[in-house]
């Protein structure tokens, strides 16, 4: 199986001078030529999307600056893949020093469990004995968790202590759930940017989620 992976530059996405339709290109299966994915977007729709991306950038910079964590949430399932892709770009940009931007999973969907489990274990199930994919090779300084070494970590964590600190940070964020302290936690709903009334009661949901971490 072959394919194309397109990494978008966050700065280009939020650049007011750049048309998003020119950045998002997909190959035509018949001709093989690249075509705009958003060719049907009107000027007003592109303007709204650009403003949404710019607001996300402002919120992310502010959150990192004051030590508040952001969770990106979406309601409409049909555009969740796009939301997750943009959130990944935010994480690549703003999560370099510490965890600041978090994505959400639609675990209320019937197919959610199978989908997430498949994405996590499909590669592992393909490995047998010493035939392991190189992309999953651990750092030479750490043992391999699959061989029973609990200290193994991917490149996201330098050691056990850092992993524990990340979890404690996330728990504090959920407990605060309002951005009222330096350990505050805020939520971005892309369907509600600019309309904070849509976020009412959402903090209560975040507080209840804490039970999943104990």
N, C-alpha and C. Protein backbone atom coordinates (compact mmCIF):
# COMPACT_ATOMS: atom_id res chain seq x y z
N UNK A 1 0.85 -1.18 0.00
CA UNK A 1 0.00 0.00 0.00
C UNK A 1 0.89 1.24 0.00
N UNK A 2 0.56 2.19 -0.82
CA UNK A 2 1.31 3.44 -0.88
C UNK A 2 0.36 4.60 -0.67
N UNK A 3 0.90 5.73 -0.27
CA UNK A 3 0.07 6.91 -0.06
C UNK A 3 0.92 8.13 0.12
N UNK A 4 0.26 9.24 0.42
CA UNK A 4 0.94 10.51 0.59
C UNK A 4 0.58 11.10 1.94
N UNK A 5 1.58 11.54 2.68
CA UNK A 5 1.37 12.22 3.94
C UNK A 5 1.70 13.68 3.75
N UNK A 6 0.73 14.54 4.04
CA UNK A 6 0.90 15.97 3.83
C UNK A 6 0.98 16.67 5.18
N UNK A 7 2.14 17.22 5.52
CA UNK A 7 2.30 17.97 6.76
C UNK A 7 2.11 19.44 6.47
N UNK A 8 1.13 20.04 7.14
CA UNK A 8 0.81 21.44 6.92
C UNK A 8 1.60 22.31 7.89
N UNK A 9 2.04 23.43 7.43
CA UNK A 9 2.76 24.37 8.27
C UNK A 9 1.75 25.27 8.97
N UNK A 10 1.79 25.30 10.31
CA UNK A 10 0.82 26.07 11.07
C UNK A 10 0.88 27.55 10.72
N UNK A 11 2.07 28.08 10.54
CA UNK A 11 2.19 29.50 10.21
C UNK A 11 1.51 29.82 8.89
N UNK A 12 1.57 28.89 7.93
CA UNK A 12 0.90 29.12 6.65
C UNK A 12 -0.61 29.07 6.80
N UNK A 13 -1.08 28.19 7.68
CA UNK A 13 -2.52 28.07 7.88
C UNK A 13 -3.14 29.35 8.44
N UNK A 14 -2.43 30.02 9.33
CA UNK A 14 -2.99 31.21 9.97
C UNK A 14 -2.59 32.50 9.27
N UNK A 15 -1.80 32.41 8.22
CA UNK A 15 -1.39 33.59 7.47
C UNK A 15 -2.59 34.15 6.71
N UNK A 16 -2.97 35.38 7.01
CA UNK A 16 -4.13 35.99 6.37
C UNK A 16 -3.96 36.14 4.87
N UNK A 17 -2.73 36.16 4.40
CA UNK A 17 -2.48 36.34 2.97
C UNK A 17 -2.58 35.04 2.19
N UNK A 18 -2.58 33.92 2.88
CA UNK A 18 -2.58 32.62 2.21
C UNK A 18 -3.99 32.05 2.15
N UNK A 19 -4.43 31.63 0.98
CA UNK A 19 -5.72 30.98 0.83
C UNK A 19 -5.59 29.52 1.25
N UNK A 20 -6.46 29.11 2.18
CA UNK A 20 -6.40 27.75 2.70
C UNK A 20 -6.65 26.73 1.59
N UNK A 21 -7.50 27.09 0.64
CA UNK A 21 -7.81 26.17 -0.45
C UNK A 21 -6.57 25.83 -1.27
N UNK A 22 -5.56 26.71 -1.24
CA UNK A 22 -4.33 26.44 -1.98
C UNK A 22 -3.37 25.54 -1.19
N UNK A 23 -3.61 25.43 0.12
CA UNK A 23 -2.76 24.58 0.95
C UNK A 23 -3.27 23.14 1.01
N UNK A 24 -4.60 23.00 1.02
CA UNK A 24 -5.19 21.67 1.15
C UNK A 24 -5.44 21.07 -0.22
N UNK A 25 -4.51 20.23 -0.66
CA UNK A 25 -4.59 19.61 -1.98
C UNK A 25 -4.68 18.10 -1.85
N UNK A 26 -5.46 17.49 -2.72
CA UNK A 26 -5.58 16.03 -2.74
C UNK A 26 -5.40 15.55 -4.18
N UNK A 27 -4.84 14.36 -4.37
CA UNK A 27 -4.65 13.85 -5.74
C UNK A 27 -5.95 13.34 -6.34
N UNK A 28 -6.17 13.66 -7.59
CA UNK A 28 -7.31 13.12 -8.33
C UNK A 28 -6.99 11.66 -8.67
N UNK A 29 -7.87 10.74 -8.27
CA UNK A 29 -7.60 9.32 -8.45
C UNK A 29 -7.54 8.92 -9.92
N UNK A 30 -8.17 9.70 -10.78
CA UNK A 30 -8.19 9.37 -12.21
C UNK A 30 -6.99 9.97 -12.94
N UNK A 31 -6.71 11.23 -12.66
CA UNK A 31 -5.64 11.92 -13.39
C UNK A 31 -4.32 11.91 -12.65
N UNK A 32 -4.36 11.73 -11.32
CA UNK A 32 -3.14 11.78 -10.53
C UNK A 32 -2.66 13.18 -10.22
N UNK A 33 -3.39 14.18 -10.70
CA UNK A 33 -3.01 15.57 -10.47
C UNK A 33 -3.58 16.07 -9.14
N UNK A 34 -2.84 16.98 -8.50
CA UNK A 34 -3.32 17.57 -7.25
C UNK A 34 -4.42 18.58 -7.53
N UNK A 35 -5.48 18.50 -6.73
CA UNK A 35 -6.61 19.41 -6.87
C UNK A 35 -6.96 19.97 -5.50
N UNK A 36 -7.50 21.20 -5.44
CA UNK A 36 -7.88 21.79 -4.15
C UNK A 36 -8.98 20.98 -3.47
N UNK A 37 -8.77 20.67 -2.20
CA UNK A 37 -9.78 19.95 -1.43
C UNK A 37 -10.97 20.84 -1.13
N UNK A 38 -10.74 22.14 -0.99
CA UNK A 38 -11.79 23.08 -0.61
C UNK A 38 -12.21 23.96 -1.78
N UNK A 39 -12.25 23.41 -2.95
CA UNK A 39 -12.57 24.20 -4.13
C UNK A 39 -13.98 24.76 -4.08
N UNK A 40 -14.85 24.14 -3.29
CA UNK A 40 -16.23 24.59 -3.21
C UNK A 40 -16.44 25.63 -2.12
N UNK A 41 -15.41 25.97 -1.39
CA UNK A 41 -15.54 26.99 -0.35
C UNK A 41 -15.79 28.35 -0.98
N UNK A 42 -16.75 29.07 -0.42
CA UNK A 42 -16.96 30.45 -0.85
C UNK A 42 -15.94 31.33 -0.14
N UNK A 43 -15.83 32.57 -0.58
CA UNK A 43 -14.90 33.49 0.06
C UNK A 43 -15.27 33.70 1.53
N UNK A 44 -16.56 33.74 1.82
CA UNK A 44 -17.01 33.94 3.20
C UNK A 44 -16.66 32.72 4.05
N UNK A 45 -16.83 31.52 3.52
CA UNK A 45 -16.50 30.31 4.26
C UNK A 45 -15.00 30.22 4.53
N UNK A 46 -14.20 30.60 3.56
CA UNK A 46 -12.75 30.58 3.77
C UNK A 46 -12.34 31.63 4.80
N UNK A 47 -13.01 32.79 4.76
CA UNK A 47 -12.71 33.84 5.74
C UNK A 47 -13.04 33.35 7.15
N UNK A 48 -14.18 32.68 7.30
CA UNK A 48 -14.58 32.17 8.61
C UNK A 48 -13.59 31.12 9.12
N UNK A 49 -13.15 30.25 8.25
CA UNK A 49 -12.19 29.22 8.66
C UNK A 49 -10.86 29.85 9.04
N UNK A 50 -10.43 30.85 8.29
CA UNK A 50 -9.18 31.53 8.60
C UNK A 50 -9.26 32.21 9.96
N UNK A 51 -10.38 32.86 10.25
CA UNK A 51 -10.54 33.52 11.54
C UNK A 51 -10.56 32.50 12.67
N UNK A 52 -11.19 31.34 12.43
CA UNK A 52 -11.22 30.30 13.44
C UNK A 52 -9.82 29.82 13.77
N UNK A 53 -9.00 29.60 12.73
CA UNK A 53 -7.62 29.16 12.94
C UNK A 53 -6.81 30.23 13.67
N UNK A 54 -7.03 31.49 13.33
CA UNK A 54 -6.31 32.57 13.99
C UNK A 54 -6.70 32.68 15.45
N UNK A 55 -7.98 32.47 15.76
CA UNK A 55 -8.42 32.50 17.16
C UNK A 55 -7.80 31.34 17.93
N UNK A 56 -7.72 30.18 17.29
CA UNK A 56 -7.06 29.05 17.94
C UNK A 56 -5.61 29.39 18.26
N UNK A 57 -4.93 30.06 17.35
CA UNK A 57 -3.53 30.42 17.55
C UNK A 57 -3.39 31.40 18.71
N UNK A 58 -4.29 32.38 18.78
CA UNK A 58 -4.25 33.37 19.87
C UNK A 58 -4.48 32.68 21.21
N UNK A 59 -5.48 31.80 21.27
CA UNK A 59 -5.78 31.10 22.51
C UNK A 59 -4.62 30.21 22.95
N UNK A 60 -4.01 29.52 21.99
CA UNK A 60 -2.90 28.63 22.32
C UNK A 60 -1.71 29.41 22.85
N UNK A 61 -1.36 30.52 22.20
CA UNK A 61 -0.24 31.34 22.66
C UNK A 61 -0.51 31.90 24.05
N UNK A 62 -1.74 32.35 24.28
CA UNK A 62 -2.09 32.90 25.59
C UNK A 62 -2.02 31.81 26.66
N UNK A 63 -2.53 30.64 26.34
CA UNK A 63 -2.52 29.54 27.31
C UNK A 63 -1.10 29.15 27.69
N UNK A 64 -0.23 29.03 26.69
CA UNK A 64 1.17 28.68 26.96
C UNK A 64 1.84 29.77 27.78
N UNK A 65 1.50 31.03 27.48
CA UNK A 65 2.12 32.15 28.18
C UNK A 65 1.77 32.23 29.65
N UNK A 66 0.53 31.85 30.01
CA UNK A 66 0.10 31.96 31.41
C UNK A 66 0.03 30.61 32.11
N UNK A 67 0.42 29.54 31.42
CA UNK A 67 0.44 28.23 32.05
C UNK A 67 -0.89 27.52 32.14
N UNK A 68 -1.80 27.83 31.22
CA UNK A 68 -3.10 27.16 31.19
C UNK A 68 -3.12 26.13 30.07
N UNK A 69 -3.73 24.99 30.31
CA UNK A 69 -3.81 23.93 29.30
C UNK A 69 -5.12 24.06 28.53
N UNK A 70 -5.10 23.69 27.27
CA UNK A 70 -6.29 23.76 26.43
C UNK A 70 -6.67 22.39 25.91
N UNK A 71 -7.95 22.10 25.95
CA UNK A 71 -8.48 20.88 25.33
C UNK A 71 -9.35 21.28 24.15
N UNK A 72 -9.09 20.69 23.01
CA UNK A 72 -9.86 20.98 21.80
C UNK A 72 -10.96 19.94 21.66
N UNK A 73 -12.19 20.40 21.58
CA UNK A 73 -13.33 19.50 21.49
C UNK A 73 -14.18 19.86 20.29
N UNK A 74 -14.85 18.89 19.72
CA UNK A 74 -15.75 19.14 18.59
C UNK A 74 -16.98 18.26 18.74
N UNK A 75 -18.07 18.69 18.17
CA UNK A 75 -19.31 17.94 18.27
C UNK A 75 -19.63 17.15 17.01
N UNK A 76 -19.53 17.80 15.86
CA UNK A 76 -19.93 17.16 14.61
C UNK A 76 -18.93 16.08 14.20
N UNK A 77 -19.39 14.84 14.15
CA UNK A 77 -18.51 13.72 13.84
C UNK A 77 -17.92 13.82 12.44
N UNK A 78 -18.68 14.39 11.51
CA UNK A 78 -18.23 14.36 10.12
C UNK A 78 -16.98 15.20 9.89
N UNK A 79 -16.71 16.20 10.75
CA UNK A 79 -15.46 16.94 10.55
C UNK A 79 -14.46 16.74 11.67
N UNK A 80 -14.68 15.71 12.50
CA UNK A 80 -13.73 15.42 13.56
C UNK A 80 -12.33 15.10 13.03
N UNK A 81 -12.18 14.35 11.92
CA UNK A 81 -10.83 14.10 11.40
C UNK A 81 -10.08 15.38 11.08
N UNK A 82 -10.77 16.38 10.55
CA UNK A 82 -10.12 17.65 10.25
C UNK A 82 -9.72 18.37 11.54
N UNK A 83 -10.60 18.33 12.54
CA UNK A 83 -10.30 18.96 13.83
C UNK A 83 -9.08 18.30 14.47
N UNK A 84 -9.04 16.98 14.43
CA UNK A 84 -7.91 16.26 15.01
C UNK A 84 -6.61 16.60 14.29
N UNK A 85 -6.70 16.78 12.98
CA UNK A 85 -5.50 17.11 12.19
C UNK A 85 -4.98 18.49 12.56
N UNK A 86 -5.87 19.46 12.72
CA UNK A 86 -5.45 20.80 13.09
C UNK A 86 -4.93 20.83 14.53
N UNK A 87 -5.55 20.04 15.39
CA UNK A 87 -5.08 19.96 16.77
C UNK A 87 -3.67 19.38 16.82
N UNK A 88 -3.40 18.39 15.98
CA UNK A 88 -2.06 17.82 15.91
C UNK A 88 -1.04 18.87 15.51
N UNK A 89 -1.41 19.75 14.58
CA UNK A 89 -0.50 20.82 14.19
C UNK A 89 -0.24 21.76 15.37
N UNK A 90 -1.30 22.06 16.15
CA UNK A 90 -1.13 22.90 17.33
C UNK A 90 -0.21 22.22 18.34
N UNK A 91 -0.37 20.91 18.51
CA UNK A 91 0.48 20.18 19.46
C UNK A 91 1.94 20.19 19.02
N UNK A 92 2.17 20.03 17.73
CA UNK A 92 3.54 20.06 17.22
C UNK A 92 4.18 21.42 17.48
N UNK A 93 3.37 22.47 17.45
CA UNK A 93 3.89 23.83 17.62
C UNK A 93 4.04 24.21 19.09
N UNK A 94 3.05 23.88 19.91
CA UNK A 94 3.00 24.42 21.27
C UNK A 94 3.34 23.42 22.38
N UNK A 95 3.48 22.14 22.07
CA UNK A 95 3.75 21.15 23.11
C UNK A 95 5.22 20.75 23.18
N UNK A 96 6.10 21.58 22.72
CA UNK A 96 7.51 21.22 22.68
C UNK A 96 8.17 21.27 24.06
N UNK A 97 7.74 22.19 24.91
CA UNK A 97 8.33 22.31 26.24
C UNK A 97 7.58 21.49 27.28
N UNK A 98 6.26 21.48 27.20
CA UNK A 98 5.42 20.76 28.16
C UNK A 98 4.06 20.53 27.51
N UNK A 99 3.24 19.61 28.04
CA UNK A 99 1.91 19.38 27.47
C UNK A 99 1.01 20.59 27.69
N UNK A 100 0.52 21.18 26.63
CA UNK A 100 -0.34 22.36 26.73
C UNK A 100 -1.63 22.20 25.93
N UNK A 101 -1.56 21.52 24.80
CA UNK A 101 -2.73 21.33 23.94
C UNK A 101 -3.13 19.87 23.97
N UNK A 102 -4.40 19.60 24.26
CA UNK A 102 -4.91 18.24 24.32
C UNK A 102 -6.04 18.05 23.32
N UNK A 103 -6.10 16.89 22.72
CA UNK A 103 -7.20 16.55 21.82
C UNK A 103 -8.20 15.68 22.57
N UNK A 104 -9.37 15.46 21.99
CA UNK A 104 -10.39 14.61 22.61
C UNK A 104 -10.73 13.45 21.70
N UNK A 105 -11.25 12.40 22.30
CA UNK A 105 -11.70 11.22 21.56
C UNK A 105 -13.21 11.07 21.76
N UNK A 106 -13.92 10.73 20.70
CA UNK A 106 -15.37 10.60 20.77
C UNK A 106 -15.74 9.20 21.29
N UNK A 107 -15.50 9.00 22.58
CA UNK A 107 -15.68 7.67 23.17
C UNK A 107 -17.15 7.30 23.35
N UNK A 108 -18.05 8.23 23.11
CA UNK A 108 -19.47 7.92 23.23
C UNK A 108 -20.00 7.21 21.98
N UNK A 109 -19.22 7.17 20.91
CA UNK A 109 -19.64 6.49 19.69
C UNK A 109 -19.47 4.98 19.83
N UNK A 110 -20.35 4.22 19.21
CA UNK A 110 -20.31 2.76 19.32
C UNK A 110 -19.01 2.19 18.77
N UNK A 111 -18.52 2.81 17.69
CA UNK A 111 -17.32 2.27 17.05
C UNK A 111 -16.03 2.82 17.64
N UNK A 112 -16.13 3.69 18.66
CA UNK A 112 -14.94 4.36 19.20
C UNK A 112 -13.94 3.37 19.80
N UNK A 113 -14.43 2.43 20.60
CA UNK A 113 -13.52 1.49 21.27
C UNK A 113 -12.71 0.69 20.26
N UNK A 114 -13.40 0.13 19.28
CA UNK A 114 -12.70 -0.67 18.27
C UNK A 114 -11.73 0.18 17.46
N UNK A 115 -12.16 1.38 17.11
CA UNK A 115 -11.32 2.27 16.30
C UNK A 115 -10.03 2.62 17.03
N UNK A 116 -10.14 3.03 18.29
CA UNK A 116 -8.96 3.45 19.04
C UNK A 116 -8.06 2.26 19.38
N UNK A 117 -8.66 1.13 19.72
CA UNK A 117 -7.86 -0.05 20.02
C UNK A 117 -7.12 -0.52 18.78
N UNK A 118 -7.80 -0.49 17.64
CA UNK A 118 -7.16 -0.91 16.40
C UNK A 118 -5.96 -0.02 16.07
N UNK A 119 -6.12 1.28 16.29
CA UNK A 119 -5.03 2.20 15.96
C UNK A 119 -3.85 2.02 16.90
N UNK A 120 -4.11 1.55 18.12
CA UNK A 120 -3.03 1.39 19.10
C UNK A 120 -2.30 0.06 18.99
N UNK A 121 -3.02 -1.00 18.65
CA UNK A 121 -2.42 -2.33 18.72
C UNK A 121 -2.22 -3.00 17.37
N UNK A 122 -2.70 -2.40 16.29
CA UNK A 122 -2.60 -3.07 15.00
C UNK A 122 -1.15 -3.37 14.63
N UNK A 123 -0.26 -2.41 14.84
CA UNK A 123 1.15 -2.62 14.51
C UNK A 123 1.78 -3.64 15.46
N UNK A 124 1.39 -3.58 16.72
CA UNK A 124 1.95 -4.51 17.71
C UNK A 124 1.57 -5.95 17.38
N UNK A 125 0.33 -6.15 16.94
CA UNK A 125 -0.14 -7.50 16.64
C UNK A 125 0.59 -8.09 15.44
N UNK A 126 1.09 -7.23 14.57
CA UNK A 126 1.80 -7.71 13.38
C UNK A 126 3.21 -8.19 13.71
N UNK A 127 3.72 -7.77 14.85
CA UNK A 127 5.09 -8.11 15.21
C UNK A 127 5.14 -9.48 15.89
N UNK A 128 6.08 -10.28 15.49
CA UNK A 128 6.26 -11.60 16.11
C UNK A 128 7.74 -11.79 16.42
N UNK A 129 8.03 -12.12 17.67
CA UNK A 129 9.41 -12.37 18.06
C UNK A 129 10.29 -11.17 17.83
N UNK A 130 11.36 -11.36 17.07
CA UNK A 130 12.33 -10.30 16.82
C UNK A 130 12.00 -9.49 15.58
N UNK A 131 10.93 -9.86 14.88
CA UNK A 131 10.55 -9.13 13.67
C UNK A 131 9.71 -7.93 14.06
N UNK A 132 10.36 -6.88 14.45
CA UNK A 132 9.68 -5.68 14.91
C UNK A 132 9.95 -4.52 13.98
N UNK A 133 8.93 -3.70 13.81
CA UNK A 133 9.11 -2.56 12.93
C UNK A 133 10.07 -1.56 13.55
N UNK A 134 10.97 -1.03 12.75
CA UNK A 134 12.00 -0.13 13.25
C UNK A 134 11.41 1.14 13.84
N UNK A 135 10.26 1.58 13.33
CA UNK A 135 9.70 2.84 13.82
C UNK A 135 9.26 2.74 15.27
N UNK A 136 9.13 1.50 15.79
CA UNK A 136 8.75 1.33 17.18
C UNK A 136 9.94 0.99 18.06
N UNK A 137 11.14 1.09 17.54
CA UNK A 137 12.33 0.80 18.33
C UNK A 137 12.47 1.83 19.45
N UNK A 138 12.77 1.37 20.65
CA UNK A 138 12.93 2.28 21.78
C UNK A 138 14.33 2.86 21.78
N UNK A 139 14.52 3.90 22.56
CA UNK A 139 15.83 4.53 22.67
C UNK A 139 16.81 3.55 23.31
N UNK A 140 18.06 3.61 22.89
CA UNK A 140 19.04 2.63 23.36
C UNK A 140 19.32 2.75 24.86
N UNK A 141 18.97 3.89 25.47
CA UNK A 141 19.21 4.07 26.90
C UNK A 141 18.13 3.42 27.76
N UNK A 142 17.02 3.04 27.14
CA UNK A 142 15.92 2.46 27.90
C UNK A 142 15.70 1.01 27.49
N UNK A 143 15.11 0.25 28.42
CA UNK A 143 14.75 -1.12 28.09
C UNK A 143 13.49 -1.15 27.24
N UNK A 144 13.12 -2.33 26.78
CA UNK A 144 11.93 -2.49 25.95
C UNK A 144 10.77 -2.94 26.83
N UNK A 145 9.72 -2.15 26.88
CA UNK A 145 8.58 -2.46 27.72
C UNK A 145 7.94 -3.79 27.32
N UNK A 146 8.04 -4.15 26.04
CA UNK A 146 7.44 -5.40 25.58
C UNK A 146 8.20 -6.61 26.10
N UNK A 147 9.40 -6.39 26.65
CA UNK A 147 10.17 -7.48 27.26
C UNK A 147 10.06 -7.44 28.78
N UNK A 148 9.09 -6.70 29.28
CA UNK A 148 8.86 -6.66 30.71
C UNK A 148 9.63 -5.60 31.46
N UNK A 149 10.28 -4.68 30.75
CA UNK A 149 11.02 -3.60 31.39
C UNK A 149 10.08 -2.41 31.54
N UNK A 150 9.71 -2.08 32.77
CA UNK A 150 8.70 -1.04 32.99
C UNK A 150 9.25 0.36 32.78
N UNK A 151 10.56 0.52 32.69
CA UNK A 151 11.13 1.85 32.54
C UNK A 151 11.19 2.33 31.11
N UNK A 152 10.69 1.52 30.16
CA UNK A 152 10.78 1.91 28.75
C UNK A 152 9.89 3.12 28.48
N UNK A 153 10.37 4.00 27.64
CA UNK A 153 9.59 5.18 27.27
C UNK A 153 9.87 5.52 25.82
N UNK A 154 8.90 6.11 25.17
CA UNK A 154 9.13 6.59 23.82
C UNK A 154 9.83 7.93 23.92
N UNK A 155 10.08 8.56 22.77
CA UNK A 155 10.81 9.83 22.78
C UNK A 155 10.00 10.96 23.40
N UNK A 156 8.72 10.74 23.70
CA UNK A 156 7.92 11.79 24.32
C UNK A 156 8.30 12.01 25.78
N UNK A 157 8.93 11.01 26.41
CA UNK A 157 9.25 11.10 27.82
C UNK A 157 10.72 10.78 28.04
N UNK A 158 11.38 11.59 28.83
CA UNK A 158 12.80 11.38 29.10
C UNK A 158 13.01 10.33 30.18
N UNK A 159 12.08 10.26 31.15
CA UNK A 159 12.23 9.30 32.23
C UNK A 159 10.87 9.11 32.92
N UNK A 160 10.85 8.25 33.94
CA UNK A 160 9.62 7.95 34.66
C UNK A 160 9.07 9.20 35.35
N UNK A 161 9.96 9.99 35.92
CA UNK A 161 9.52 11.17 36.67
C UNK A 161 8.78 12.15 35.77
N UNK A 162 9.30 12.34 34.56
CA UNK A 162 8.65 13.27 33.64
C UNK A 162 7.27 12.76 33.24
N UNK A 163 7.16 11.46 33.04
CA UNK A 163 5.87 10.87 32.71
C UNK A 163 4.87 11.11 33.84
N UNK A 164 5.31 10.92 35.08
CA UNK A 164 4.44 11.14 36.23
C UNK A 164 4.03 12.59 36.35
N UNK A 165 4.97 13.50 36.06
CA UNK A 165 4.65 14.93 36.13
C UNK A 165 3.59 15.30 35.10
N UNK A 166 3.68 14.70 33.90
CA UNK A 166 2.68 14.97 32.88
C UNK A 166 1.29 14.54 33.36
N UNK A 167 1.21 13.38 33.98
CA UNK A 167 -0.08 12.90 34.47
C UNK A 167 -0.61 13.78 35.59
N UNK A 168 0.26 14.21 36.51
CA UNK A 168 -0.16 15.09 37.58
C UNK A 168 -0.66 16.43 37.03
N UNK A 169 0.03 16.92 36.00
CA UNK A 169 -0.39 18.17 35.38
C UNK A 169 -1.79 18.04 34.81
N UNK A 170 -2.04 16.92 34.13
CA UNK A 170 -3.35 16.72 33.52
C UNK A 170 -4.44 16.61 34.58
N UNK A 171 -4.15 15.94 35.70
CA UNK A 171 -5.13 15.82 36.77
C UNK A 171 -5.44 17.18 37.39
N UNK A 172 -4.41 17.99 37.60
CA UNK A 172 -4.63 19.32 38.15
C UNK A 172 -5.46 20.18 37.21
N UNK A 173 -5.22 20.02 35.90
CA UNK A 173 -5.97 20.80 34.92
C UNK A 173 -7.45 20.45 34.97
N UNK A 174 -7.74 19.16 35.06
CA UNK A 174 -9.14 18.74 35.11
C UNK A 174 -9.79 19.21 36.40
N UNK A 175 -9.07 19.13 37.52
CA UNK A 175 -9.63 19.54 38.80
C UNK A 175 -9.91 21.03 38.83
N UNK A 176 -9.04 21.81 38.25
CA UNK A 176 -9.26 23.26 38.22
C UNK A 176 -10.43 23.60 37.31
N UNK A 177 -10.40 23.07 36.10
CA UNK A 177 -11.51 23.12 35.13
C UNK A 177 -12.08 24.50 34.86
N UNK A 178 -11.35 25.53 35.19
CA UNK A 178 -11.90 26.83 34.90
C UNK A 178 -10.89 27.90 34.58
N UNK A 179 -9.63 27.61 34.67
CA UNK A 179 -8.62 28.62 34.40
C UNK A 179 -8.51 29.66 35.49
N UNK A 180 -8.96 29.32 36.74
CA UNK A 180 -8.93 30.30 37.82
C UNK A 180 -7.61 30.32 38.56
N UNK A 181 -6.68 29.43 38.21
CA UNK A 181 -5.38 29.41 38.87
C UNK A 181 -4.31 29.12 37.84
N UNK A 182 -3.07 29.06 38.30
CA UNK A 182 -1.97 28.81 37.37
C UNK A 182 -2.03 27.39 36.80
N UNK A 183 -2.80 26.52 37.45
CA UNK A 183 -2.99 25.16 36.94
C UNK A 183 -4.34 25.04 36.23
N UNK A 184 -4.83 26.14 35.72
CA UNK A 184 -6.16 26.16 35.12
C UNK A 184 -6.28 25.27 33.90
N UNK A 185 -7.52 24.96 33.56
CA UNK A 185 -7.80 24.11 32.40
C UNK A 185 -8.93 24.74 31.62
N UNK A 186 -8.75 24.91 30.34
CA UNK A 186 -9.78 25.52 29.50
C UNK A 186 -10.11 24.60 28.34
N UNK A 187 -11.26 24.83 27.74
CA UNK A 187 -11.70 23.98 26.63
C UNK A 187 -11.99 24.83 25.41
N UNK A 188 -11.53 24.35 24.25
CA UNK A 188 -11.86 25.00 22.99
C UNK A 188 -12.89 24.14 22.28
N UNK A 189 -14.06 24.70 22.03
CA UNK A 189 -15.02 24.04 21.16
C UNK A 189 -15.04 24.84 19.87
N UNK A 190 -14.62 24.22 18.80
CA UNK A 190 -14.47 24.96 17.56
C UNK A 190 -15.80 25.48 17.05
N UNK A 191 -16.90 24.87 17.47
CA UNK A 191 -18.21 25.36 17.08
C UNK A 191 -18.67 26.51 17.98
N UNK A 192 -17.87 26.86 18.97
CA UNK A 192 -18.29 27.87 19.93
C UNK A 192 -17.28 29.00 20.10
N UNK A 193 -16.25 29.06 19.27
CA UNK A 193 -15.27 30.12 19.39
C UNK A 193 -15.95 31.47 19.21
N UNK A 194 -15.77 32.34 20.17
CA UNK A 194 -16.43 33.64 20.11
C UNK A 194 -17.80 33.62 20.76
N UNK A 195 -18.27 32.44 21.19
CA UNK A 195 -19.57 32.32 21.85
C UNK A 195 -19.41 31.53 23.14
N UNK A 196 -18.88 32.15 24.20
CA UNK A 196 -18.55 31.41 25.43
C UNK A 196 -19.75 30.78 26.10
N UNK A 197 -20.98 31.24 25.78
CA UNK A 197 -22.15 30.64 26.41
C UNK A 197 -22.30 29.16 26.08
N UNK A 198 -21.69 28.72 24.97
CA UNK A 198 -21.76 27.32 24.59
C UNK A 198 -20.88 26.45 25.47
N UNK A 199 -20.01 27.06 26.26
CA UNK A 199 -19.11 26.30 27.12
C UNK A 199 -19.66 26.11 28.53
N UNK A 200 -20.86 26.68 28.80
CA UNK A 200 -21.45 26.54 30.12
C UNK A 200 -21.69 25.06 30.43
N UNK A 201 -21.38 24.67 31.65
CA UNK A 201 -21.53 23.31 32.16
C UNK A 201 -20.49 22.34 31.61
N UNK A 202 -19.69 22.76 30.62
CA UNK A 202 -18.70 21.84 30.07
C UNK A 202 -17.64 21.50 31.11
N UNK A 203 -17.34 22.45 32.02
CA UNK A 203 -16.33 22.18 33.04
C UNK A 203 -16.76 21.06 33.96
N UNK A 204 -18.08 20.91 34.19
CA UNK A 204 -18.56 19.83 35.04
C UNK A 204 -18.24 18.47 34.43
N UNK A 205 -18.32 18.39 33.12
CA UNK A 205 -17.98 17.15 32.43
C UNK A 205 -16.51 16.83 32.63
N UNK A 206 -15.65 17.85 32.54
CA UNK A 206 -14.22 17.64 32.71
C UNK A 206 -13.89 17.14 34.11
N UNK A 207 -14.59 17.68 35.11
CA UNK A 207 -14.36 17.25 36.48
C UNK A 207 -14.72 15.77 36.64
N UNK A 208 -15.83 15.36 36.03
CA UNK A 208 -16.26 13.96 36.13
C UNK A 208 -15.26 13.03 35.46
N UNK A 209 -14.57 13.52 34.44
CA UNK A 209 -13.60 12.68 33.73
C UNK A 209 -12.44 12.25 34.63
N UNK A 210 -12.26 12.94 35.74
CA UNK A 210 -11.12 12.61 36.60
C UNK A 210 -11.19 11.16 37.08
N UNK A 211 -12.39 10.61 37.19
CA UNK A 211 -12.53 9.24 37.67
C UNK A 211 -11.82 8.24 36.78
N UNK A 212 -11.60 8.59 35.52
CA UNK A 212 -10.94 7.66 34.60
C UNK A 212 -9.44 7.58 34.84
N UNK A 213 -8.89 8.45 35.70
CA UNK A 213 -7.45 8.48 35.92
C UNK A 213 -7.08 7.91 37.28
N UNK A 214 -8.01 7.21 37.90
CA UNK A 214 -7.73 6.61 39.21
C UNK A 214 -8.06 5.13 39.17
